[in-house]
N, C-alpha and C. Protein backbone atom coordinates (compact mmCIF):
# COMPACT_ATOMS: atom_id res chain seq x y z
N MET A 1 8.47 -12.79 0.89
CA MET A 1 7.79 -13.91 1.54
C MET A 1 7.26 -14.87 0.49
N PRO A 2 7.42 -16.18 0.70
CA PRO A 2 6.78 -17.15 -0.20
C PRO A 2 5.26 -16.97 -0.14
N LEU A 3 4.60 -17.14 -1.28
CA LEU A 3 3.16 -16.93 -1.34
C LEU A 3 2.40 -17.85 -0.38
N GLU A 4 2.87 -19.08 -0.26
CA GLU A 4 2.22 -20.03 0.65
C GLU A 4 2.29 -19.54 2.09
N LYS A 5 3.39 -18.88 2.43
CA LYS A 5 3.56 -18.35 3.80
C LYS A 5 2.62 -17.18 4.04
N ILE A 6 2.39 -16.38 3.01
CA ILE A 6 1.45 -15.26 3.14
C ILE A 6 0.04 -15.80 3.41
N ILE A 7 -0.36 -16.82 2.67
CA ILE A 7 -1.68 -17.42 2.87
C ILE A 7 -1.80 -17.98 4.29
N GLU A 8 -0.78 -18.70 4.71
CA GLU A 8 -0.77 -19.30 6.05
C GLU A 8 -0.89 -18.22 7.13
N SER A 9 -0.14 -17.13 6.97
CA SER A 9 -0.15 -16.06 7.96
C SER A 9 -1.48 -15.32 7.98
N CYS A 10 -2.09 -15.14 6.82
CA CYS A 10 -3.40 -14.49 6.75
C CYS A 10 -4.46 -15.33 7.46
N LEU A 11 -4.46 -16.62 7.20
CA LEU A 11 -5.44 -17.50 7.83
C LEU A 11 -5.25 -17.52 9.34
N LYS A 12 -4.00 -17.54 9.77
CA LYS A 12 -3.70 -17.55 11.21
C LYS A 12 -4.17 -16.26 11.88
N ALA A 13 -4.01 -15.12 11.18
CA ALA A 13 -4.40 -13.83 11.74
C ALA A 13 -5.87 -13.49 11.46
N GLN A 14 -6.59 -14.41 10.80
CA GLN A 14 -8.00 -14.22 10.44
C GLN A 14 -8.19 -13.01 9.52
N VAL A 15 -7.24 -12.84 8.62
CA VAL A 15 -7.33 -11.81 7.58
C VAL A 15 -7.98 -12.44 6.36
N ASP A 16 -9.14 -11.92 5.94
CA ASP A 16 -9.83 -12.55 4.80
C ASP A 16 -9.85 -11.67 3.55
N CYS A 17 -9.02 -10.65 3.55
CA CYS A 17 -8.80 -9.83 2.35
C CYS A 17 -7.47 -9.12 2.54
N ILE A 18 -6.63 -9.17 1.53
CA ILE A 18 -5.31 -8.55 1.64
C ILE A 18 -4.97 -7.81 0.35
N ALA A 19 -4.32 -6.67 0.48
CA ALA A 19 -3.82 -5.94 -0.68
C ALA A 19 -2.32 -6.19 -0.76
N ILE A 20 -1.88 -6.79 -1.86
CA ILE A 20 -0.46 -7.03 -2.07
C ILE A 20 0.08 -5.90 -2.93
N SER A 21 0.99 -5.13 -2.35
CA SER A 21 1.48 -3.92 -3.01
C SER A 21 3.00 -3.95 -3.09
N ASP A 22 3.52 -4.76 -4.02
CA ASP A 22 4.98 -4.82 -4.21
C ASP A 22 5.47 -3.54 -4.89
N HIS A 23 6.78 -3.37 -4.86
CA HIS A 23 7.39 -2.23 -5.54
C HIS A 23 7.66 -2.60 -7.00
N GLY A 24 7.05 -1.87 -7.91
CA GLY A 24 7.39 -2.02 -9.32
C GLY A 24 6.86 -3.24 -10.05
N THR A 25 5.97 -4.01 -9.42
CA THR A 25 5.43 -5.20 -10.11
C THR A 25 4.13 -5.66 -9.46
N VAL A 26 3.27 -6.29 -10.27
CA VAL A 26 2.05 -6.90 -9.74
C VAL A 26 2.07 -8.42 -9.91
N GLU A 27 3.19 -8.96 -10.39
CA GLU A 27 3.26 -10.38 -10.72
C GLU A 27 2.95 -11.27 -9.52
N GLY A 28 3.56 -10.97 -8.38
CA GLY A 28 3.32 -11.77 -7.18
C GLY A 28 1.88 -11.69 -6.72
N ALA A 29 1.31 -10.49 -6.79
CA ALA A 29 -0.08 -10.29 -6.37
C ALA A 29 -1.04 -11.05 -7.27
N LEU A 30 -0.78 -11.05 -8.58
CA LEU A 30 -1.64 -11.78 -9.51
C LEU A 30 -1.55 -13.29 -9.26
N GLU A 31 -0.34 -13.76 -8.96
CA GLU A 31 -0.17 -15.19 -8.69
C GLU A 31 -0.89 -15.57 -7.40
N LEU A 32 -0.75 -14.73 -6.36
CA LEU A 32 -1.42 -15.01 -5.09
C LEU A 32 -2.94 -14.99 -5.25
N GLN A 33 -3.42 -14.10 -6.10
CA GLN A 33 -4.86 -13.99 -6.34
C GLN A 33 -5.43 -15.31 -6.87
N GLY A 34 -4.62 -16.02 -7.64
CA GLY A 34 -5.06 -17.30 -8.18
C GLY A 34 -4.94 -18.46 -7.21
N MET A 35 -4.25 -18.24 -6.08
CA MET A 35 -4.00 -19.31 -5.11
C MET A 35 -4.81 -19.17 -3.82
N ALA A 36 -5.02 -17.96 -3.39
CA ALA A 36 -5.55 -17.71 -2.04
C ALA A 36 -7.04 -18.05 -1.92
N PRO A 37 -7.46 -18.56 -0.76
CA PRO A 37 -8.88 -18.85 -0.52
C PRO A 37 -9.64 -17.63 0.00
N PHE A 38 -9.08 -16.45 -0.21
CA PHE A 38 -9.72 -15.20 0.22
C PHE A 38 -9.42 -14.12 -0.82
N LYS A 39 -10.05 -12.95 -0.66
CA LYS A 39 -9.86 -11.86 -1.62
C LYS A 39 -8.42 -11.33 -1.59
N VAL A 40 -7.88 -11.12 -2.78
CA VAL A 40 -6.56 -10.49 -2.93
C VAL A 40 -6.71 -9.29 -3.85
N ILE A 41 -6.38 -8.12 -3.35
CA ILE A 41 -6.41 -6.90 -4.16
C ILE A 41 -5.02 -6.72 -4.77
N VAL A 42 -4.98 -6.64 -6.08
CA VAL A 42 -3.70 -6.49 -6.79
C VAL A 42 -3.32 -5.01 -6.79
N ALA A 43 -2.21 -4.71 -6.13
CA ALA A 43 -1.77 -3.32 -6.00
C ALA A 43 -0.28 -3.23 -6.34
N GLU A 44 0.21 -2.01 -6.39
CA GLU A 44 1.62 -1.77 -6.68
C GLU A 44 2.01 -0.40 -6.16
N GLU A 45 3.24 -0.30 -5.64
CA GLU A 45 3.81 1.00 -5.31
C GLU A 45 4.80 1.35 -6.42
N ILE A 46 4.52 2.46 -7.09
CA ILE A 46 5.33 2.89 -8.23
C ILE A 46 6.26 4.00 -7.76
N LEU A 47 7.55 3.76 -7.85
CA LEU A 47 8.52 4.76 -7.41
C LEU A 47 8.73 5.80 -8.50
N THR A 48 8.41 7.04 -8.19
CA THR A 48 8.63 8.16 -9.13
C THR A 48 9.80 9.00 -8.62
N PRO A 49 10.29 9.95 -9.39
CA PRO A 49 11.37 10.81 -8.92
C PRO A 49 10.98 11.65 -7.70
N HIS A 50 9.67 11.73 -7.40
CA HIS A 50 9.20 12.53 -6.27
C HIS A 50 8.54 11.70 -5.17
N GLY A 51 8.77 10.40 -5.17
CA GLY A 51 8.17 9.56 -4.15
C GLY A 51 7.25 8.51 -4.77
N GLU A 52 6.50 7.83 -3.92
CA GLU A 52 5.70 6.69 -4.37
C GLU A 52 4.23 7.05 -4.63
N ILE A 53 3.71 6.46 -5.70
CA ILE A 53 2.29 6.52 -6.04
C ILE A 53 1.78 5.08 -6.05
N GLY A 54 0.61 4.85 -5.48
CA GLY A 54 0.07 3.50 -5.42
C GLY A 54 -1.12 3.31 -6.34
N GLY A 55 -1.26 2.09 -6.85
CA GLY A 55 -2.43 1.72 -7.64
C GLY A 55 -3.05 0.47 -7.04
N MET A 56 -4.38 0.42 -6.98
CA MET A 56 -5.10 -0.75 -6.46
C MET A 56 -6.10 -1.23 -7.49
N PHE A 57 -6.30 -2.55 -7.56
CA PHE A 57 -7.15 -3.21 -8.55
C PHE A 57 -6.50 -3.11 -9.94
N LEU A 58 -5.20 -3.27 -9.95
CA LEU A 58 -4.45 -3.24 -11.21
C LEU A 58 -4.51 -4.59 -11.92
N LYS A 59 -4.25 -4.53 -13.22
CA LYS A 59 -4.20 -5.74 -14.05
C LYS A 59 -2.79 -6.00 -14.58
N GLU A 60 -2.01 -4.91 -14.70
CA GLU A 60 -0.66 -5.02 -15.25
C GLU A 60 0.30 -4.16 -14.43
N SER A 61 1.57 -4.54 -14.46
CA SER A 61 2.60 -3.76 -13.77
C SER A 61 2.80 -2.41 -14.44
N ILE A 62 3.18 -1.43 -13.64
CA ILE A 62 3.52 -0.10 -14.13
C ILE A 62 4.98 0.15 -13.76
N PRO A 63 5.82 0.54 -14.70
CA PRO A 63 7.25 0.68 -14.39
C PRO A 63 7.55 1.82 -13.44
N SER A 64 8.56 1.63 -12.62
CA SER A 64 9.03 2.71 -11.75
C SER A 64 9.90 3.67 -12.55
N GLY A 65 10.17 4.83 -11.96
CA GLY A 65 11.03 5.82 -12.60
C GLY A 65 10.31 6.82 -13.46
N ILE A 66 8.98 6.67 -13.60
CA ILE A 66 8.20 7.59 -14.44
C ILE A 66 7.73 8.78 -13.58
N PRO A 67 7.37 9.90 -14.20
CA PRO A 67 6.89 11.06 -13.44
C PRO A 67 5.59 10.75 -12.68
N VAL A 68 5.34 11.52 -11.64
CA VAL A 68 4.15 11.34 -10.80
C VAL A 68 2.88 11.34 -11.64
N GLU A 69 2.74 12.35 -12.49
CA GLU A 69 1.53 12.48 -13.28
C GLU A 69 1.32 11.30 -14.23
N GLU A 70 2.41 10.78 -14.78
CA GLU A 70 2.29 9.62 -15.66
C GLU A 70 1.89 8.38 -14.88
N ALA A 71 2.43 8.23 -13.67
CA ALA A 71 2.06 7.09 -12.82
C ALA A 71 0.56 7.11 -12.53
N VAL A 72 0.05 8.27 -12.17
CA VAL A 72 -1.38 8.42 -11.89
C VAL A 72 -2.19 8.10 -13.14
N SER A 73 -1.76 8.62 -14.28
CA SER A 73 -2.47 8.41 -15.54
C SER A 73 -2.52 6.93 -15.91
N ARG A 74 -1.41 6.23 -15.69
CA ARG A 74 -1.35 4.80 -16.04
C ARG A 74 -2.24 3.96 -15.12
N VAL A 75 -2.33 4.35 -13.86
CA VAL A 75 -3.23 3.64 -12.94
C VAL A 75 -4.67 3.84 -13.40
N LYS A 76 -5.02 5.08 -13.70
CA LYS A 76 -6.39 5.39 -14.14
C LYS A 76 -6.72 4.70 -15.46
N ALA A 77 -5.73 4.55 -16.34
CA ALA A 77 -5.96 3.91 -17.64
C ALA A 77 -6.36 2.45 -17.48
N GLN A 78 -6.00 1.83 -16.35
CA GLN A 78 -6.40 0.45 -16.09
C GLN A 78 -7.74 0.38 -15.35
N GLY A 79 -8.37 1.53 -15.16
CA GLY A 79 -9.63 1.55 -14.42
C GLY A 79 -9.42 1.27 -12.95
N ALA A 80 -8.22 1.52 -12.45
CA ALA A 80 -7.86 1.21 -11.07
C ALA A 80 -7.93 2.45 -10.18
N LEU A 81 -7.70 2.24 -8.90
CA LEU A 81 -7.75 3.32 -7.91
C LEU A 81 -6.34 3.82 -7.61
N VAL A 82 -6.20 5.12 -7.44
CA VAL A 82 -4.92 5.73 -7.09
C VAL A 82 -4.90 5.99 -5.58
N TYR A 83 -3.82 5.58 -4.95
CA TYR A 83 -3.69 5.90 -3.52
C TYR A 83 -2.30 6.46 -3.24
N LEU A 84 -2.22 7.20 -2.15
CA LEU A 84 -0.94 7.76 -1.71
C LEU A 84 -0.46 6.97 -0.50
N PRO A 85 0.64 6.22 -0.63
CA PRO A 85 1.20 5.54 0.54
C PRO A 85 2.07 6.50 1.35
N HIS A 86 1.80 6.57 2.65
CA HIS A 86 2.56 7.44 3.59
C HIS A 86 3.05 8.75 2.93
N PRO A 87 2.12 9.60 2.45
CA PRO A 87 2.53 10.75 1.63
C PRO A 87 3.33 11.82 2.36
N PHE A 88 3.16 11.96 3.68
CA PHE A 88 3.88 13.01 4.40
C PHE A 88 4.90 12.44 5.39
N ASP A 89 5.25 11.17 5.20
CA ASP A 89 6.32 10.57 5.99
C ASP A 89 7.60 11.35 5.68
N PRO A 90 8.31 11.82 6.71
CA PRO A 90 9.51 12.65 6.43
C PRO A 90 10.62 11.90 5.72
N PHE A 91 10.60 10.57 5.78
CA PHE A 91 11.66 9.78 5.15
C PHE A 91 11.25 9.19 3.80
N ARG A 92 9.94 8.87 3.65
CA ARG A 92 9.50 8.16 2.45
C ARG A 92 8.36 8.86 1.73
N GLY A 93 8.03 10.06 2.11
CA GLY A 93 6.85 10.73 1.58
C GLY A 93 7.02 11.32 0.19
N LEU A 94 5.92 11.87 -0.32
CA LEU A 94 5.94 12.55 -1.62
C LEU A 94 6.64 13.89 -1.47
N ARG A 95 7.50 14.20 -2.40
CA ARG A 95 8.22 15.47 -2.38
C ARG A 95 7.67 16.37 -3.50
N LEU A 96 6.49 16.93 -3.23
CA LEU A 96 5.83 17.81 -4.19
C LEU A 96 5.48 19.12 -3.50
N ASN A 97 5.53 20.22 -4.25
CA ASN A 97 5.13 21.48 -3.64
C ASN A 97 3.60 21.52 -3.51
N GLY A 98 3.11 22.49 -2.74
CA GLY A 98 1.68 22.57 -2.44
C GLY A 98 0.79 22.62 -3.66
N HIS A 99 1.20 23.36 -4.70
CA HIS A 99 0.39 23.52 -5.90
C HIS A 99 0.24 22.19 -6.64
N ARG A 100 1.35 21.47 -6.83
CA ARG A 100 1.29 20.19 -7.54
C ARG A 100 0.50 19.16 -6.75
N LEU A 101 0.63 19.20 -5.44
CA LEU A 101 -0.11 18.26 -4.60
C LEU A 101 -1.60 18.54 -4.66
N GLU A 102 -1.94 19.82 -4.70
CA GLU A 102 -3.35 20.22 -4.80
C GLU A 102 -3.95 19.75 -6.12
N GLU A 103 -3.22 19.89 -7.19
CA GLU A 103 -3.69 19.41 -8.50
C GLU A 103 -3.83 17.89 -8.51
N LEU A 104 -2.90 17.22 -7.86
CA LEU A 104 -2.90 15.77 -7.81
C LEU A 104 -4.10 15.24 -7.02
N ALA A 105 -4.50 15.98 -5.99
CA ALA A 105 -5.58 15.53 -5.09
C ALA A 105 -6.87 15.20 -5.84
N GLU A 106 -7.12 15.89 -6.93
CA GLU A 106 -8.34 15.66 -7.70
C GLU A 106 -8.38 14.27 -8.32
N GLN A 107 -7.23 13.64 -8.46
CA GLN A 107 -7.17 12.31 -9.09
C GLN A 107 -6.90 11.18 -8.10
N ILE A 108 -6.80 11.52 -6.83
CA ILE A 108 -6.52 10.52 -5.80
C ILE A 108 -7.82 9.96 -5.24
N ASP A 109 -7.85 8.66 -4.99
CA ASP A 109 -9.03 8.00 -4.42
C ASP A 109 -8.87 7.70 -2.94
N LEU A 110 -7.65 7.31 -2.53
CA LEU A 110 -7.42 6.89 -1.16
C LEU A 110 -6.08 7.42 -0.65
N VAL A 111 -6.00 7.60 0.67
CA VAL A 111 -4.77 8.06 1.29
C VAL A 111 -4.46 7.17 2.49
N GLU A 112 -3.23 6.69 2.56
CA GLU A 112 -2.81 5.91 3.72
C GLU A 112 -2.50 6.87 4.86
N VAL A 113 -3.31 6.81 5.91
CA VAL A 113 -3.16 7.75 7.03
C VAL A 113 -2.33 7.17 8.17
N PHE A 114 -2.04 5.87 8.10
CA PHE A 114 -1.18 5.24 9.12
C PHE A 114 -0.46 4.08 8.48
N ASN A 115 0.85 4.01 8.72
CA ASN A 115 1.67 2.91 8.20
C ASN A 115 2.42 2.30 9.39
N ALA A 116 2.18 1.03 9.63
CA ALA A 116 2.73 0.38 10.83
C ALA A 116 4.25 0.38 10.86
N ARG A 117 4.89 0.50 9.69
CA ARG A 117 6.35 0.46 9.64
C ARG A 117 6.99 1.84 9.81
N SER A 118 6.19 2.88 9.80
CA SER A 118 6.76 4.21 10.03
C SER A 118 7.14 4.31 11.50
N PRO A 119 8.41 4.52 11.81
CA PRO A 119 8.85 4.44 13.20
C PRO A 119 8.34 5.58 14.09
N ILE A 120 7.96 6.69 13.48
CA ILE A 120 7.46 7.83 14.26
C ILE A 120 6.18 8.35 13.61
N SER A 121 5.42 9.10 14.37
CA SER A 121 4.11 9.56 13.89
C SER A 121 4.17 10.88 13.12
N MET A 122 5.38 11.39 12.87
CA MET A 122 5.50 12.64 12.13
C MET A 122 4.80 12.54 10.78
N GLY A 123 3.96 13.50 10.45
CA GLY A 123 3.28 13.53 9.16
C GLY A 123 1.90 12.93 9.18
N GLU A 124 1.56 12.15 10.22
CA GLU A 124 0.27 11.47 10.24
C GLU A 124 -0.90 12.45 10.39
N SER A 125 -0.75 13.46 11.25
CA SER A 125 -1.83 14.44 11.42
C SER A 125 -2.01 15.26 10.15
N LYS A 126 -0.90 15.56 9.47
CA LYS A 126 -0.96 16.29 8.20
C LYS A 126 -1.65 15.45 7.13
N THR A 127 -1.38 14.15 7.14
CA THR A 127 -2.00 13.24 6.17
C THR A 127 -3.51 13.18 6.38
N ARG A 128 -3.93 13.05 7.64
CA ARG A 128 -5.36 13.00 7.95
C ARG A 128 -6.05 14.30 7.53
N ALA A 129 -5.40 15.42 7.79
CA ALA A 129 -5.98 16.72 7.41
C ALA A 129 -6.11 16.81 5.90
N PHE A 130 -5.12 16.32 5.17
CA PHE A 130 -5.15 16.33 3.71
C PHE A 130 -6.31 15.47 3.20
N ALA A 131 -6.46 14.26 3.75
CA ALA A 131 -7.53 13.36 3.33
C ALA A 131 -8.90 13.96 3.62
N THR A 132 -9.04 14.59 4.77
CA THR A 132 -10.31 15.20 5.15
C THR A 132 -10.63 16.40 4.26
N ARG A 133 -9.63 17.19 3.99
CA ARG A 133 -9.82 18.39 3.18
C ARG A 133 -10.36 18.05 1.79
N TYR A 134 -9.85 16.97 1.20
CA TYR A 134 -10.26 16.60 -0.16
C TYR A 134 -11.26 15.44 -0.18
N ASP A 135 -11.78 15.09 0.99
CA ASP A 135 -12.78 14.02 1.12
C ASP A 135 -12.30 12.73 0.47
N LEU A 136 -11.09 12.32 0.82
CA LEU A 136 -10.50 11.10 0.28
C LEU A 136 -10.66 9.96 1.29
N ALA A 137 -10.90 8.76 0.79
CA ALA A 137 -11.04 7.60 1.67
C ALA A 137 -9.73 7.34 2.39
N LYS A 138 -9.82 7.00 3.67
CA LYS A 138 -8.62 6.80 4.50
C LYS A 138 -8.35 5.31 4.67
N ILE A 139 -7.12 4.91 4.36
CA ILE A 139 -6.71 3.52 4.53
C ILE A 139 -5.49 3.46 5.45
N VAL A 140 -5.21 2.25 5.96
CA VAL A 140 -4.03 2.02 6.78
C VAL A 140 -3.30 0.81 6.22
N GLY A 141 -2.03 0.67 6.58
CA GLY A 141 -1.26 -0.46 6.06
C GLY A 141 -0.32 -1.05 7.08
N SER A 142 -0.26 -2.38 7.11
CA SER A 142 0.75 -3.03 7.95
C SER A 142 2.12 -2.94 7.29
N ASP A 143 2.12 -2.75 5.94
CA ASP A 143 3.37 -2.67 5.18
C ASP A 143 4.25 -3.89 5.48
N ALA A 144 3.61 -5.05 5.58
CA ALA A 144 4.30 -6.27 6.01
C ALA A 144 5.38 -6.71 5.02
N HIS A 145 6.59 -6.87 5.55
CA HIS A 145 7.69 -7.43 4.78
C HIS A 145 8.07 -8.81 5.31
N THR A 146 7.50 -9.19 6.45
CA THR A 146 7.73 -10.49 7.07
C THR A 146 6.38 -11.07 7.52
N PRO A 147 6.26 -12.39 7.62
CA PRO A 147 4.97 -13.01 7.95
C PRO A 147 4.32 -12.51 9.24
N ASN A 148 5.12 -12.27 10.27
CA ASN A 148 4.55 -11.86 11.55
C ASN A 148 3.93 -10.46 11.53
N GLU A 149 4.24 -9.68 10.51
CA GLU A 149 3.67 -8.33 10.42
C GLU A 149 2.28 -8.31 9.80
N ILE A 150 1.90 -9.39 9.14
CA ILE A 150 0.59 -9.43 8.47
C ILE A 150 -0.53 -9.31 9.51
N GLY A 151 -1.42 -8.36 9.28
CA GLY A 151 -2.53 -8.13 10.20
C GLY A 151 -2.18 -7.27 11.38
N ARG A 152 -0.97 -6.73 11.40
CA ARG A 152 -0.55 -5.86 12.51
C ARG A 152 -1.45 -4.64 12.58
N THR A 153 -1.71 -4.05 11.43
CA THR A 153 -2.64 -2.93 11.30
C THR A 153 -3.66 -3.34 10.24
N TYR A 154 -4.93 -3.01 10.46
CA TYR A 154 -5.95 -3.50 9.53
C TYR A 154 -7.21 -2.63 9.57
N LEU A 155 -8.08 -2.88 8.60
CA LEU A 155 -9.39 -2.26 8.52
C LEU A 155 -10.46 -3.33 8.62
N GLU A 156 -11.39 -3.17 9.52
CA GLU A 156 -12.58 -4.02 9.53
C GLU A 156 -13.63 -3.32 8.70
N MET A 157 -14.11 -3.99 7.65
CA MET A 157 -15.00 -3.32 6.71
C MET A 157 -16.03 -4.30 6.16
N PRO A 158 -17.14 -3.79 5.62
CA PRO A 158 -18.16 -4.66 5.05
C PRO A 158 -17.64 -5.40 3.81
N GLU A 159 -18.31 -6.48 3.45
CA GLU A 159 -17.99 -7.21 2.22
C GLU A 159 -18.15 -6.27 1.02
N PHE A 160 -17.39 -6.52 -0.04
CA PHE A 160 -17.48 -5.69 -1.23
C PHE A 160 -17.17 -6.52 -2.46
N ASN A 161 -17.61 -6.05 -3.60
CA ASN A 161 -17.26 -6.64 -4.89
C ASN A 161 -16.80 -5.53 -5.81
N GLY A 162 -15.55 -5.56 -6.19
CA GLY A 162 -15.02 -4.57 -7.12
C GLY A 162 -14.61 -3.27 -6.45
N LYS A 163 -13.96 -2.43 -7.25
CA LYS A 163 -13.35 -1.22 -6.71
C LYS A 163 -14.37 -0.18 -6.25
N ASP A 164 -15.52 -0.08 -6.91
CA ASP A 164 -16.51 0.92 -6.51
C ASP A 164 -17.11 0.59 -5.15
N GLU A 165 -17.48 -0.67 -4.94
CA GLU A 165 -17.99 -1.08 -3.63
C GLU A 165 -16.89 -0.99 -2.57
N PHE A 166 -15.64 -1.23 -2.99
CA PHE A 166 -14.51 -1.15 -2.07
C PHE A 166 -14.40 0.24 -1.45
N LEU A 167 -14.54 1.27 -2.28
CA LEU A 167 -14.45 2.64 -1.76
C LEU A 167 -15.52 2.91 -0.70
N GLY A 168 -16.73 2.45 -0.96
CA GLY A 168 -17.81 2.63 0.01
C GLY A 168 -17.55 1.85 1.29
N ALA A 169 -17.04 0.62 1.14
CA ALA A 169 -16.76 -0.22 2.30
C ALA A 169 -15.64 0.38 3.15
N ILE A 170 -14.64 0.98 2.49
CA ILE A 170 -13.55 1.63 3.22
C ILE A 170 -14.10 2.75 4.12
N ARG A 171 -14.99 3.56 3.56
CA ARG A 171 -15.54 4.69 4.33
C ARG A 171 -16.41 4.21 5.50
N ALA A 172 -16.94 2.99 5.39
CA ALA A 172 -17.76 2.44 6.47
C ALA A 172 -16.93 1.60 7.44
N GLY A 173 -15.64 1.49 7.18
CA GLY A 173 -14.78 0.60 7.96
C GLY A 173 -14.32 1.18 9.28
N ARG A 174 -13.73 0.30 10.08
CA ARG A 174 -13.18 0.69 11.37
C ARG A 174 -11.69 0.36 11.37
N ILE A 175 -10.88 1.36 11.68
CA ILE A 175 -9.43 1.22 11.62
C ILE A 175 -8.87 0.70 12.94
N SER A 176 -7.92 -0.23 12.84
CA SER A 176 -7.18 -0.71 14.00
C SER A 176 -5.69 -0.51 13.72
N MET A 177 -5.03 0.32 14.52
CA MET A 177 -3.65 0.71 14.24
C MET A 177 -2.70 0.22 15.34
N HIS A 178 -1.65 -0.47 14.93
CA HIS A 178 -0.62 -0.93 15.86
C HIS A 178 0.72 -0.77 15.16
N ARG A 179 1.61 0.01 15.75
CA ARG A 179 2.91 0.24 15.13
C ARG A 179 3.82 -0.97 15.34
N SER A 180 4.54 -1.33 14.29
CA SER A 180 5.45 -2.47 14.38
C SER A 180 6.71 -2.09 15.14
N SER A 181 7.35 -3.11 15.70
CA SER A 181 8.61 -2.91 16.39
C SER A 181 9.70 -2.48 15.40
N LEU A 182 10.65 -1.71 15.88
CA LEU A 182 11.78 -1.32 15.02
C LEU A 182 12.58 -2.53 14.55
N LEU A 183 12.46 -3.65 15.27
CA LEU A 183 13.21 -4.85 14.90
C LEU A 183 12.78 -5.41 13.55
N VAL A 184 11.56 -5.07 13.08
CA VAL A 184 11.12 -5.59 11.77
C VAL A 184 12.03 -5.07 10.66
N HIS A 185 12.60 -3.89 10.86
CA HIS A 185 13.49 -3.33 9.83
C HIS A 185 14.79 -4.13 9.77
N VAL A 186 15.23 -4.65 10.92
CA VAL A 186 16.43 -5.49 10.95
C VAL A 186 16.17 -6.77 10.16
N ALA A 187 14.98 -7.38 10.39
CA ALA A 187 14.64 -8.63 9.71
C ALA A 187 14.59 -8.45 8.20
N SER A 188 13.92 -7.39 7.73
CA SER A 188 13.79 -7.21 6.28
C SER A 188 15.11 -6.79 5.65
N THR A 189 15.96 -6.06 6.39
CA THR A 189 17.28 -5.70 5.87
C THR A 189 18.15 -6.94 5.71
N TRP A 190 18.04 -7.89 6.65
CA TRP A 190 18.79 -9.13 6.57
C TRP A 190 18.36 -9.95 5.34
N VAL A 191 17.06 -10.00 5.10
CA VAL A 191 16.55 -10.72 3.93
C VAL A 191 17.08 -10.08 2.65
N TRP A 192 17.06 -8.74 2.61
CA TRP A 192 17.56 -8.02 1.43
C TRP A 192 19.04 -8.31 1.21
N LEU A 193 19.83 -8.32 2.30
CA LEU A 193 21.26 -8.59 2.18
C LEU A 193 21.52 -10.01 1.67
N LYS A 194 20.75 -10.97 2.16
CA LYS A 194 20.90 -12.36 1.69
C LYS A 194 20.58 -12.45 0.20
N TYR A 195 19.54 -11.70 -0.22
CA TYR A 195 19.17 -11.69 -1.64
C TYR A 195 20.31 -11.13 -2.48
N LYS A 196 20.88 -10.00 -2.04
CA LYS A 196 21.96 -9.36 -2.79
C LYS A 196 23.20 -10.25 -2.83
N LEU A 197 23.51 -10.91 -1.70
CA LEU A 197 24.65 -11.81 -1.67
C LEU A 197 24.45 -12.98 -2.62
N GLY A 198 23.21 -13.47 -2.67
CA GLY A 198 22.89 -14.57 -3.58
C GLY A 198 23.09 -14.20 -5.02
N GLN A 199 22.83 -12.92 -5.35
CA GLN A 199 23.04 -12.47 -6.73
C GLN A 199 24.52 -12.42 -7.09
N LEU A 200 25.37 -12.13 -6.08
CA LEU A 200 26.80 -12.02 -6.33
C LEU A 200 27.48 -13.37 -6.44
N LEU A 201 26.93 -14.37 -5.78
CA LEU A 201 27.56 -15.70 -5.75
C LEU A 201 27.21 -16.55 -6.97
């Protein structure tokens, strides 16, 4: 999505804080942070050989393809927060055994307990139980790949400044969950195909 379109869609949906979590880069989020008339949290989803690890309040991109533990370490080295995006989603979740996941839990700050783009609810109850067991802050995501998805799922939370206040505000927040239509996957697949065709031409 063009950055201007993201701003327009946020204002239309009355979203006054957004986390931009691209795959493998924070460049777009940093640019939007300098443009938007509202708070922008710079985040990234880092693809590891065992699934995705997320970082929030990042300053620099972290490369994909690195081990899970290194991804977590690099997020922490920036003084940022580690989150697990859709960790028990059967299609996109983390593929770690119980022991490694238990060790990882000590370094996790937040867990995404609902993702609007997940077509089925499999794994959501397991995710909530995991977050509760380790007293991790629970977040939700619209996972917007198109403008109309922005604000589909959201958290109403108190104002905050910085990552420490953010964690407290998350715990005081109220979650609103709405699953996106399966048609959103058609739209984003079409955009991806146009991008790939453009590279070939």
